[in-house]
Amino acid sequence: MSTSSASSPGNPGGAGARDGLFVLNMHRNFTGVTATAAAVTRQQLDRYDIRLVGRSLPGCPGPISFLQAVRASRQKPSGKPFHIWHVRRNPEMQAGIFARDILRLPIRLVFTSAAQRRHSALPRWLISRMDAVIATTPEAAEYVPGVRAVVPHGVDTLRFHPAASRNQAWAASPYPGIGGIATIGRVRPEKGTDRFVAAMIEALPHLPGYTALVIGKTAPEHTSFLAGLKQQAAAAGLAERILFPGEIGPDALPDLVRGLSLLVALPRYEGYGVTPLEAMASAVPFVASDAGWFSEFSGDGAAGAVVPDGDPGMAAAQITAILSDPARHQTMAEAARTRAVENFSVAAEADAIDAVYQQLWSQT
């Protein structure tokens, strides 16, 4: 299938109108939601001439504007009663409701929900207006109405794959030492960045040669939080071993991840969490808090270790134990890749989402 017409923002009435699938991405930052949307959309390119609306996604057709999406949705798609707009955030739900209910376009709205807690008033109302809701976990399904399916997020196991040589992959990175331990995500208390730094301060003296990386964007309101973490690392004499490279672009991230020895995720709250999955697909074990769906990822400890409440001391002990035992680390790395491929592939996620679309389209 050709995607050339879908890639052209100047042709809003082309093949995208035929297949009737519009994916909205209106958030300026690259987040976990963005990563999952991009992975699924890349899978869907073989099924639909997709219209991406808003901002670009890696490896996906060039985006069109909301106005162009409106124009392309005025007529029903060929052979279908309406277009589907897949939305994942509040502004996208608002845009979809406006297009469907105010402009009276022939569209239906599908929303993916990952939050494992009660939404505030506005998103609750917006979600109640969706035509179908996909929850990423059974726990998330308990907090939203209209759930058509529970579909766990998957990982692109072709894009995230093991390195031929982990040592060589790490050596090709710009970071020092014999191996890397990283946390990936926005730098803020909710993501547990401080827990990671505390765990590294405790663990690194027992792991000579390893370098810890705090990878992620820091919002202006969290710059003092970041400064405090850097001060803690310096006070522990680890300023050259706990590094803060900031945000790394999505195109460069897979190469870095497959060079890691361990991924650490210690958030205080997480709706789902994709960074352990990306690590698993790259044959990188993880240590995580008991948030998100990390316990399910771990396979009873086969692919990763989960510590209660993200306790930094317990995390440090697990990190040290795994990296001090090469045989255990290798076994976990192999199990991580296997679980990612067999249980958490984005191809399976795309299949389950497509079933929801087809169910909607079959209703006349």
Protein backbone atom coordinates (compact mmCIF):
# COMPACT_ATOMS: atom_id res chain seq x y z
CA MET A 1 0.00 0.00 0.00
CA SER A 2 1.28 3.43 -0.88
CA THR A 3 1.27 6.15 1.76
CA SER A 4 2.37 8.94 -0.53
CA SER A 5 -0.97 10.72 -0.61
CA ALA A 6 -1.34 10.45 3.16
CA SER A 7 2.09 11.97 3.57
CA SER A 8 1.16 15.08 1.67
CA PRO A 9 -0.45 17.76 3.84
CA GLY A 10 -1.49 19.55 0.67
CA ASN A 11 -3.82 16.74 -0.44
CA PRO A 12 -6.37 16.43 2.38
CA GLY A 13 -9.01 14.87 0.19
CA GLY A 14 -6.94 11.97 -1.13
CA ALA A 15 -6.53 8.36 -0.04
CA GLY A 16 -6.89 9.17 3.65
CA ALA A 17 -10.55 10.00 3.07
CA ARG A 18 -11.00 6.56 1.46
CA ASP A 19 -9.95 4.53 4.48
CA GLY A 20 -11.40 6.85 7.07
CA LEU A 21 -8.79 6.64 9.84
CA PHE A 22 -7.41 9.83 11.39
CA VAL A 23 -4.86 9.74 14.22
CA LEU A 24 -4.70 12.91 16.28
CA ASN A 25 -1.45 13.99 17.94
CA MET A 26 -1.70 17.52 19.28
CA HIS A 27 0.88 17.48 22.07
CA ARG A 28 4.08 19.45 21.46
CA ASN A 29 6.30 17.18 23.60
CA PHE A 30 7.37 13.61 22.93
CA THR A 31 5.94 11.60 25.83
CA GLY A 32 5.10 8.00 26.58
CA VAL A 33 1.68 8.57 25.01
CA THR A 34 3.41 9.88 21.89
CA ALA A 35 5.71 6.87 21.74
CA THR A 36 2.84 4.40 21.96
CA ALA A 37 0.80 6.32 19.39
CA ALA A 38 3.74 6.34 16.99
CA ALA A 39 4.38 2.62 17.40
CA VAL A 40 0.74 1.71 16.74
CA THR A 41 0.42 4.13 13.82
CA ARG A 42 3.48 2.64 12.10
CA GLN A 43 1.80 -0.78 12.37
CA GLN A 44 -1.44 0.60 10.94
CA LEU A 45 0.25 1.96 7.81
CA ASP A 46 -0.08 -1.49 6.23
CA ARG A 47 -3.84 -1.45 6.84
CA TYR A 48 -4.95 2.12 6.17
CA ASP A 49 -3.97 5.29 4.37
CA ILE A 50 -3.74 7.12 7.65
CA ARG A 51 -4.16 10.84 8.21
CA LEU A 52 -1.98 12.10 11.05
CA VAL A 53 -3.45 15.30 12.48
CA GLY A 54 -1.46 17.87 14.45
CA ARG A 55 2.19 17.09 15.08
CA SER A 56 4.58 14.59 13.54
CA LEU A 57 5.27 11.10 14.82
CA PRO A 58 8.53 9.21 14.06
CA GLY A 59 8.23 7.01 10.99
CA CYS A 60 4.66 8.13 10.25
CA PRO A 61 3.10 10.15 7.43
CA GLY A 62 3.57 13.90 7.54
CA PRO A 63 0.82 15.56 9.59
CA ILE A 64 -2.05 17.68 8.34
CA SER A 65 -3.79 20.46 10.22
CA PHE A 66 -7.07 20.19 12.08
CA LEU A 67 -8.71 22.28 9.35
CA GLN A 68 -7.45 19.90 6.68
CA ALA A 69 -8.75 16.96 8.72
CA VAL A 70 -12.16 18.63 8.89
CA ARG A 71 -12.19 19.12 5.14
CA ALA A 72 -11.14 15.51 4.52
CA SER A 73 -13.88 14.24 6.85
CA ARG A 74 -16.83 16.08 5.30
CA GLN A 75 -17.82 13.14 3.12
CA LYS A 76 -18.20 9.57 4.31
CA PRO A 77 -15.27 7.32 3.40
CA SER A 78 -15.81 4.87 0.55
CA GLY A 79 -17.61 1.77 1.77
CA LYS A 80 -17.87 2.94 5.39
CA PRO A 81 -20.54 4.87 7.29
CA PHE A 82 -18.12 7.28 8.95
CA HIS A 83 -14.48 8.16 9.62
CA ILE A 84 -12.75 7.16 12.84
CA TRP A 85 -10.71 9.72 14.72
CA HIS A 86 -8.42 8.04 17.27
CA VAL A 87 -7.63 10.39 20.15
CA ARG A 88 -5.48 9.99 23.26
CA ARG A 89 -5.47 13.35 25.10
CA ASN A 90 -7.90 16.01 26.31
CA PRO A 91 -7.27 18.54 23.47
CA GLU A 92 -7.75 15.79 20.91
CA MET A 93 -11.02 14.69 22.49
CA GLN A 94 -12.18 18.32 22.49
CA ALA A 95 -11.27 18.71 18.82
CA GLY A 96 -13.08 15.50 17.94
CA ILE A 97 -16.22 16.43 19.86
CA PHE A 98 -16.28 19.81 18.11
CA ALA A 99 -15.91 18.17 14.68
CA ARG A 100 -18.54 15.52 15.35
CA ASP A 101 -21.14 17.42 17.38
CA ILE A 102 -20.80 21.04 16.25
CA LEU A 103 -19.67 20.61 12.65
CA ARG A 104 -21.76 17.43 12.31
CA LEU A 105 -19.07 15.54 10.43
CA PRO A 106 -19.51 11.80 9.80
CA ILE A 107 -16.93 10.67 12.36
CA ARG A 108 -16.74 8.49 15.46
CA LEU A 109 -14.24 9.00 18.27
CA VAL A 110 -12.06 6.26 19.77
CA PHE A 111 -10.11 7.09 22.92
CA THR A 112 -7.27 5.13 24.51
CA SER A 113 -7.12 5.41 28.32
CA ALA A 114 -4.17 4.28 30.45
CA ALA A 115 -4.81 6.15 33.73
CA GLN A 116 -5.25 3.90 36.76
CA ARG A 117 -6.96 6.53 38.87
CA ARG A 118 -10.11 8.65 38.79
CA HIS A 119 -9.96 11.36 36.16
CA SER A 120 -10.76 14.96 37.03
CA ALA A 121 -14.07 16.52 35.97
CA LEU A 122 -13.16 17.72 32.47
CA PRO A 123 -11.59 14.49 31.18
CA ARG A 124 -14.42 12.48 32.76
CA TRP A 125 -16.94 14.46 30.72
CA LEU A 126 -14.84 14.25 27.56
CA ILE A 127 -14.41 10.49 27.91
CA SER A 128 -18.16 10.08 28.44
CA ARG A 129 -18.63 11.61 24.97
CA MET A 130 -16.43 9.08 23.19
CA ASP A 131 -17.95 6.47 20.89
CA ALA A 132 -15.55 3.78 22.06
CA VAL A 133 -12.92 3.58 24.78
CA ILE A 134 -9.91 1.27 24.76
CA ALA A 135 -8.31 0.69 28.17
CA THR A 136 -4.71 -0.45 28.38
CA THR A 137 -5.20 -2.55 31.53
CA PRO A 138 -8.11 -4.06 33.48
CA GLU A 139 -7.32 -1.55 36.24
CA ALA A 140 -7.60 1.38 33.83
CA ALA A 141 -10.92 0.02 32.57
CA GLU A 142 -12.41 0.47 36.03
CA TYR A 143 -12.11 4.27 35.78
CA VAL A 144 -13.72 4.95 32.40
CA PRO A 145 -17.12 4.26 30.80
CA GLY A 146 -17.75 2.76 27.39
CA VAL A 147 -14.81 0.35 27.34
CA ARG A 148 -14.96 -1.80 24.21
CA ALA A 149 -11.69 -3.65 24.79
CA VAL A 150 -8.71 -3.94 27.11
CA VAL A 151 -5.63 -3.68 24.91
CA PRO A 152 -2.18 -3.48 26.55
CA HIS A 153 0.32 -1.20 24.88
CA GLY A 154 2.93 -3.03 22.88
CA VAL A 155 6.48 -2.33 21.80
CA ASP A 156 7.90 -2.25 18.29
CA THR A 157 10.15 -5.29 18.52
CA LEU A 158 11.78 -4.49 15.18
CA ARG A 159 12.72 -0.95 16.14
CA PHE A 160 13.76 -1.97 19.65
CA HIS A 161 15.89 -5.08 19.28
CA PRO A 162 18.98 -6.54 21.00
CA ALA A 163 22.44 -5.38 20.05
CA ALA A 164 24.77 -7.83 18.35
CA SER A 165 27.17 -6.87 21.14
CA ARG A 166 25.95 -4.92 24.15
CA ASN A 167 29.51 -3.88 24.98
CA GLN A 168 30.08 -2.51 21.49
CA ALA A 169 26.75 -0.71 21.51
CA TRP A 170 27.61 0.99 24.79
CA ALA A 171 31.12 1.84 23.57
CA ALA A 172 29.52 3.55 20.56
CA SER A 173 27.55 5.84 22.87
CA PRO A 174 29.01 9.15 24.06
CA TYR A 175 29.08 7.99 27.67
CA PRO A 176 31.98 6.60 29.70
CA GLY A 177 32.45 3.35 31.59
CA ILE A 178 31.89 -0.33 30.94
CA GLY A 179 28.11 -0.18 30.94
CA GLY A 180 25.06 1.98 31.46
CA ILE A 181 22.11 2.11 33.86
CA ALA A 182 19.39 4.54 32.87
CA THR A 183 16.06 5.96 33.84
CA ILE A 184 14.08 7.46 30.96
CA GLY A 185 11.25 9.93 31.37
CA ARG A 186 10.43 13.48 32.31
CA VAL A 187 12.54 14.74 35.20
CA ARG A 188 10.10 15.38 38.01
CA PRO A 189 9.07 13.90 41.38
CA GLU A 190 6.10 11.94 40.00
CA LYS A 191 8.48 10.01 37.72
CA GLY A 192 10.70 9.15 40.68
CA THR A 193 13.86 10.71 39.27
CA ASP A 194 14.99 11.44 42.83
CA ARG A 195 14.49 7.78 43.73
CA PHE A 196 16.74 6.78 40.84
CA VAL A 197 19.50 9.16 41.92
CA ALA A 198 19.25 7.92 45.52
CA ALA A 199 19.47 4.30 44.33
CA MET A 200 22.48 5.09 42.16
CA ILE A 201 24.28 6.85 45.01
CA GLU A 202 23.88 3.66 47.00
CA ALA A 203 24.58 1.16 44.22
CA LEU A 204 27.39 2.66 42.13
CA PRO A 205 30.14 2.27 44.76
CA HIS A 206 29.51 -1.49 44.45
CA LEU A 207 29.47 -1.41 40.63
CA PRO A 208 32.82 -0.06 39.44
CA GLY A 209 32.84 1.13 35.87
CA TYR A 210 29.09 1.63 35.45
CA THR A 211 27.59 4.98 34.47
CA ALA A 212 24.09 6.12 35.43
CA LEU A 213 22.04 8.25 33.03
CA VAL A 214 19.03 10.43 33.78
CA ILE A 215 17.43 10.77 30.34
CA GLY A 216 14.50 13.08 29.89
CA LYS A 217 13.21 16.60 29.51
CA THR A 218 13.01 18.97 32.46
CA ALA A 219 10.13 21.45 32.46
CA PRO A 220 10.89 24.98 33.73
CA GLU A 221 9.01 24.35 36.97
CA HIS A 222 11.29 21.42 37.76
CA THR A 223 14.69 23.04 37.13
CA SER A 224 15.32 23.47 40.86
CA PHE A 225 14.41 19.81 41.38
CA LEU A 226 17.01 18.84 38.75
CA ALA A 227 19.61 21.15 40.32
CA GLY A 228 19.06 19.43 43.65
CA LEU A 229 19.63 16.01 42.12
CA LYS A 230 22.88 17.16 40.55
CA GLN A 231 24.00 18.52 43.90
CA GLN A 232 23.25 15.18 45.56
CA ALA A 233 25.33 13.33 42.98
CA ALA A 234 28.21 15.78 43.41
CA ALA A 235 28.04 15.57 47.21
CA ALA A 236 28.34 11.78 46.94
CA GLY A 237 31.43 12.15 44.73
CA LEU A 238 29.55 10.72 41.75
CA ALA A 239 29.19 13.76 39.50
CA GLU A 240 31.18 11.97 36.77
CA ARG A 241 29.19 8.74 37.09
CA ILE A 242 25.62 10.06 37.40
CA LEU A 243 25.05 12.06 34.25
CA PHE A 244 22.10 14.18 33.13
CA PRO A 245 22.12 14.29 29.31
CA GLY A 246 18.56 15.59 29.10
CA GLU A 247 16.10 14.58 26.41
CA ILE A 248 17.26 12.22 23.67
CA GLY A 249 15.34 12.22 20.40
CA PRO A 250 13.18 9.23 19.48
CA ASP A 251 15.35 8.36 16.48
CA ALA A 252 18.48 8.07 18.63
CA LEU A 253 16.87 6.35 21.60
CA PRO A 254 16.76 2.71 20.34
CA ASP A 255 20.53 2.62 19.75
CA LEU A 256 21.18 3.91 23.26
CA VAL A 257 18.71 1.56 24.93
CA ARG A 258 20.22 -1.58 23.40
CA GLY A 259 23.60 -0.57 24.78
CA LEU A 260 22.29 -0.34 28.34
CA SER A 261 22.85 -3.02 30.93
CA LEU A 262 19.80 -2.13 33.00
CA LEU A 263 16.73 0.12 32.81
CA VAL A 264 15.37 1.56 36.05
CA ALA A 265 11.86 3.01 36.44
CA LEU A 266 10.80 4.12 39.92
CA PRO A 267 7.78 6.39 39.40
CA ARG A 268 5.40 7.28 42.21
CA TYR A 269 2.53 7.01 39.73
CA GLU A 270 2.38 5.54 36.26
CA GLY A 271 -0.67 4.77 34.16
CA TYR A 272 1.09 2.07 32.15
CA GLY A 273 4.78 2.74 31.42
CA VAL A 274 6.51 1.85 28.16
CA THR A 275 10.21 2.33 28.89
CA PRO A 276 10.59 -1.11 30.53
CA LEU A 277 8.97 -2.65 27.45
CA GLU A 278 11.39 -0.85 25.14
CA ALA A 279 14.24 -2.13 27.30
CA MET A 280 12.84 -5.66 27.33
CA ALA A 281 12.57 -5.71 23.54
CA SER A 282 16.23 -4.66 23.47
CA ALA A 283 17.17 -7.57 25.81
CA VAL A 284 17.74 -5.18 28.71
CA PRO A 285 16.32 -6.25 32.11
CA PHE A 286 14.70 -3.70 34.40
CA VAL A 287 14.22 -2.73 38.02
CA ALA A 288 10.97 -0.89 38.70
CA SER A 289 8.52 0.29 41.31
CA ASP A 290 5.18 -1.44 41.70
CA ALA A 291 3.42 1.17 39.58
CA GLY A 292 1.99 1.02 36.07
CA TRP A 293 1.90 -2.52 34.71
CA PHE A 294 5.51 -3.24 35.59
CA SER A 295 4.69 -6.33 37.66
CA GLU A 296 2.94 -7.86 34.65
CA PHE A 297 5.93 -7.05 32.45
CA SER A 298 8.35 -8.76 34.83
CA GLY A 299 6.93 -12.26 34.50
CA ASP A 300 7.36 -13.01 38.21
CA GLY A 301 10.89 -11.67 38.11
CA ALA A 302 12.02 -13.36 34.91
CA ALA A 303 12.54 -10.12 32.98
CA GLY A 304 12.74 -7.55 35.75
CA ALA A 305 12.65 -6.93 39.48
CA VAL A 306 9.79 -4.97 41.04
CA VAL A 307 10.33 -3.25 44.40
CA PRO A 308 7.50 -2.11 46.71
CA ASP A 309 6.78 1.61 46.46
CA GLY A 310 9.94 2.16 44.44
CA ASP A 311 12.07 2.06 47.58
CA PRO A 312 15.53 3.37 46.57
CA GLY A 313 17.39 1.11 48.99
CA MET A 314 15.63 -2.00 47.75
CA ALA A 315 16.11 -0.87 44.17
CA ALA A 316 19.83 -0.37 44.78
CA ALA A 317 20.09 -3.88 46.21
CA GLN A 318 18.36 -5.39 43.17
CA ILE A 319 20.45 -3.36 40.73
CA THR A 320 23.66 -4.43 42.45
CA ALA A 321 22.62 -8.08 42.64
CA ILE A 322 21.63 -8.31 38.96
CA LEU A 323 24.70 -6.56 37.59
CA SER A 324 27.07 -8.45 39.90
CA ASP A 325 25.84 -11.80 38.56
CA PRO A 326 26.56 -12.04 34.80
CA ALA A 327 24.76 -15.38 34.44
CA ARG A 328 21.60 -14.04 36.06
CA HIS A 329 21.79 -10.87 34.00
CA GLN A 330 22.08 -12.86 30.77
CA THR A 331 19.14 -15.10 31.71
CA MET A 332 16.99 -12.07 32.50
CA ALA A 333 18.03 -10.35 29.27
CA GLU A 334 16.95 -13.34 27.21
CA ALA A 335 13.66 -13.65 29.11
CA ALA A 336 13.00 -9.94 28.65
CA ARG A 337 13.29 -10.14 24.88
CA THR A 338 11.15 -13.28 24.74
CA ARG A 339 8.37 -11.75 26.87
CA ALA A 340 8.36 -8.56 24.81
CA VAL A 341 8.00 -10.48 21.55
CA GLU A 342 5.49 -13.06 22.77
CA ASN A 343 3.35 -11.00 25.14
CA PHE A 344 3.75 -7.30 24.40
CA SER A 345 4.24 -6.76 20.67
CA VAL A 346 2.78 -3.66 19.06
CA ALA A 347 1.53 -5.87 16.23
CA ALA A 348 -0.85 -7.59 18.66
CA GLU A 349 -1.93 -4.19 20.00
CA ALA A 350 -2.70 -2.98 16.46
CA ASP A 351 -4.74 -6.13 15.78
CA ALA A 352 -6.86 -5.58 18.88
CA ILE A 353 -7.39 -1.89 18.08
CA ASP A 354 -8.40 -2.79 14.55
CA ALA A 355 -11.06 -5.12 15.96
CA VAL A 356 -12.59 -2.14 17.79
CA TYR A 357 -12.58 -0.08 14.59
CA GLN A 358 -14.26 -2.88 12.65
CA GLN A 359 -16.86 -3.31 15.37
CA LEU A 360 -17.71 0.39 15.15
CA TRP A 361 -17.82 0.38 11.36
CA SER A 362 -20.16 -2.63 11.40
CA GLN A 363 -22.74 -0.66 13.37
CA THR A 364 -25.10 1.17 11.07
